[in-house]
Protein backbone atom coordinates (compact mmCIF):
# COMPACT_ATOMS: atom_id res chain seq x y z
CA UNK A 1 -170.03 -118.44 132.55
CA UNK A 2 -166.44 -118.94 133.90
CA UNK A 3 -165.42 -122.54 134.19
CA UNK A 4 -163.84 -124.00 137.44
CA UNK A 5 -163.45 -127.58 136.46
CA UNK A 6 -162.80 -129.80 133.53
CA UNK A 7 -165.28 -131.46 130.87
CA UNK A 8 -163.08 -134.40 129.53
CA UNK A 9 -163.26 -137.83 131.76
CA UNK A 10 -161.95 -141.25 131.24
CA UNK A 11 -165.15 -143.61 130.99
CA UNK A 12 -164.70 -145.05 134.25
CA UNK A 13 -164.75 -141.39 135.52
CA UNK A 14 -168.02 -140.79 133.87
CA UNK A 15 -169.36 -143.74 135.48
CA UNK A 16 -168.25 -142.73 138.91
CA UNK A 17 -169.63 -139.31 138.41
CA UNK A 18 -172.95 -140.41 137.39
CA UNK A 19 -173.04 -142.82 140.34
CA UNK A 20 -172.27 -140.00 142.80
CA UNK A 21 -174.87 -137.60 141.07
CA UNK A 22 -177.41 -140.71 141.79
CA UNK A 23 -176.41 -140.70 145.05
CA UNK A 24 -176.90 -136.99 145.68
CA UNK A 25 -180.36 -137.07 144.32
CA UNK A 26 -181.01 -139.92 146.88
CA UNK A 27 -179.52 -138.50 149.90
CA UNK A 28 -179.99 -135.96 152.75
CA UNK A 29 -178.95 -132.54 152.47
CA UNK A 30 -176.12 -133.23 154.79
CA UNK A 31 -174.65 -136.26 152.56
CA UNK A 32 -175.21 -134.21 149.45
CA UNK A 33 -172.70 -131.72 150.48
CA UNK A 34 -170.31 -134.38 150.99
CA UNK A 35 -170.99 -135.92 147.57
CA UNK A 36 -170.85 -132.70 145.65
CA UNK A 37 -167.31 -131.93 147.58
CA UNK A 38 -166.29 -135.32 146.32
CA UNK A 39 -167.17 -134.41 142.97
CA UNK A 40 -165.06 -131.20 142.89
CA UNK A 41 -162.13 -132.58 144.62
CA UNK A 42 -161.64 -135.82 143.03
CA UNK A 43 -162.99 -135.35 139.56
CA UNK A 44 -162.74 -131.65 139.00
CA UNK A 45 -166.42 -131.70 138.14
CA UNK A 46 -168.56 -128.58 138.98
CA UNK A 47 -172.34 -129.08 138.46
CA UNK A 48 -172.39 -125.07 138.31
CA UNK A 49 -170.08 -125.50 135.29
CA UNK A 50 -172.85 -126.99 133.30
CA UNK A 51 -176.10 -125.37 134.72
CA UNK A 52 -177.30 -122.85 136.64
CA UNK A 53 -180.61 -124.73 137.44
CA UNK A 54 -181.58 -125.64 141.02
CA UNK A 55 -183.77 -128.32 140.09
CA UNK A 56 -180.82 -131.05 140.89
CA UNK A 57 -178.43 -132.49 138.16
CA UNK A 58 -179.14 -136.08 137.04
CA UNK A 59 -177.24 -139.10 135.49
CA UNK A 60 -179.27 -138.53 132.55
CA UNK A 61 -178.32 -134.74 132.48
CA UNK A 62 -174.21 -135.77 132.31
CA UNK A 63 -175.27 -138.30 129.49
CA UNK A 64 -177.20 -135.19 127.63
CA UNK A 65 -174.39 -133.26 127.91
CA UNK A 66 -172.17 -135.94 126.44
CA UNK A 67 -174.42 -136.26 123.64
CA UNK A 68 -174.10 -132.49 123.11
CA UNK A 69 -170.38 -132.62 123.03
CA UNK A 70 -170.17 -130.52 126.25
CA UNK A 71 -168.75 -133.26 128.25
CA UNK A 72 -166.34 -135.49 126.42
CA UNK A 73 -165.62 -139.09 127.62
CA UNK A 74 -162.62 -140.84 126.61
CA UNK A 75 -161.58 -144.50 126.39
CA UNK A 76 -158.92 -145.46 129.35
CA UNK A 77 -155.13 -145.44 127.98
CA UNK A 78 -153.97 -148.34 126.82
CA UNK A 79 -151.57 -150.21 129.11
CA UNK A 80 -148.18 -151.02 127.33
CA UNK A 81 -146.80 -154.41 128.08
CA UNK A 82 -142.87 -155.22 127.75
């Protein structure tokens, strides 16, 4: 499967992605499309990079892929002072 997006995210990006995934699950189809577009454009996160299932991709699925090492979550870069 060809990868379209990225699989490494800063921790706050991962949290935002999971929040959007939750919104997708709780929204009507027109809003779901907007949220998926946001995942692709803002975070370069493509659900199809990780699954072909039509059952829906959840925050728990995201966390499972982190545990498996297929998605990498990093700490934010340190801010240098001075």
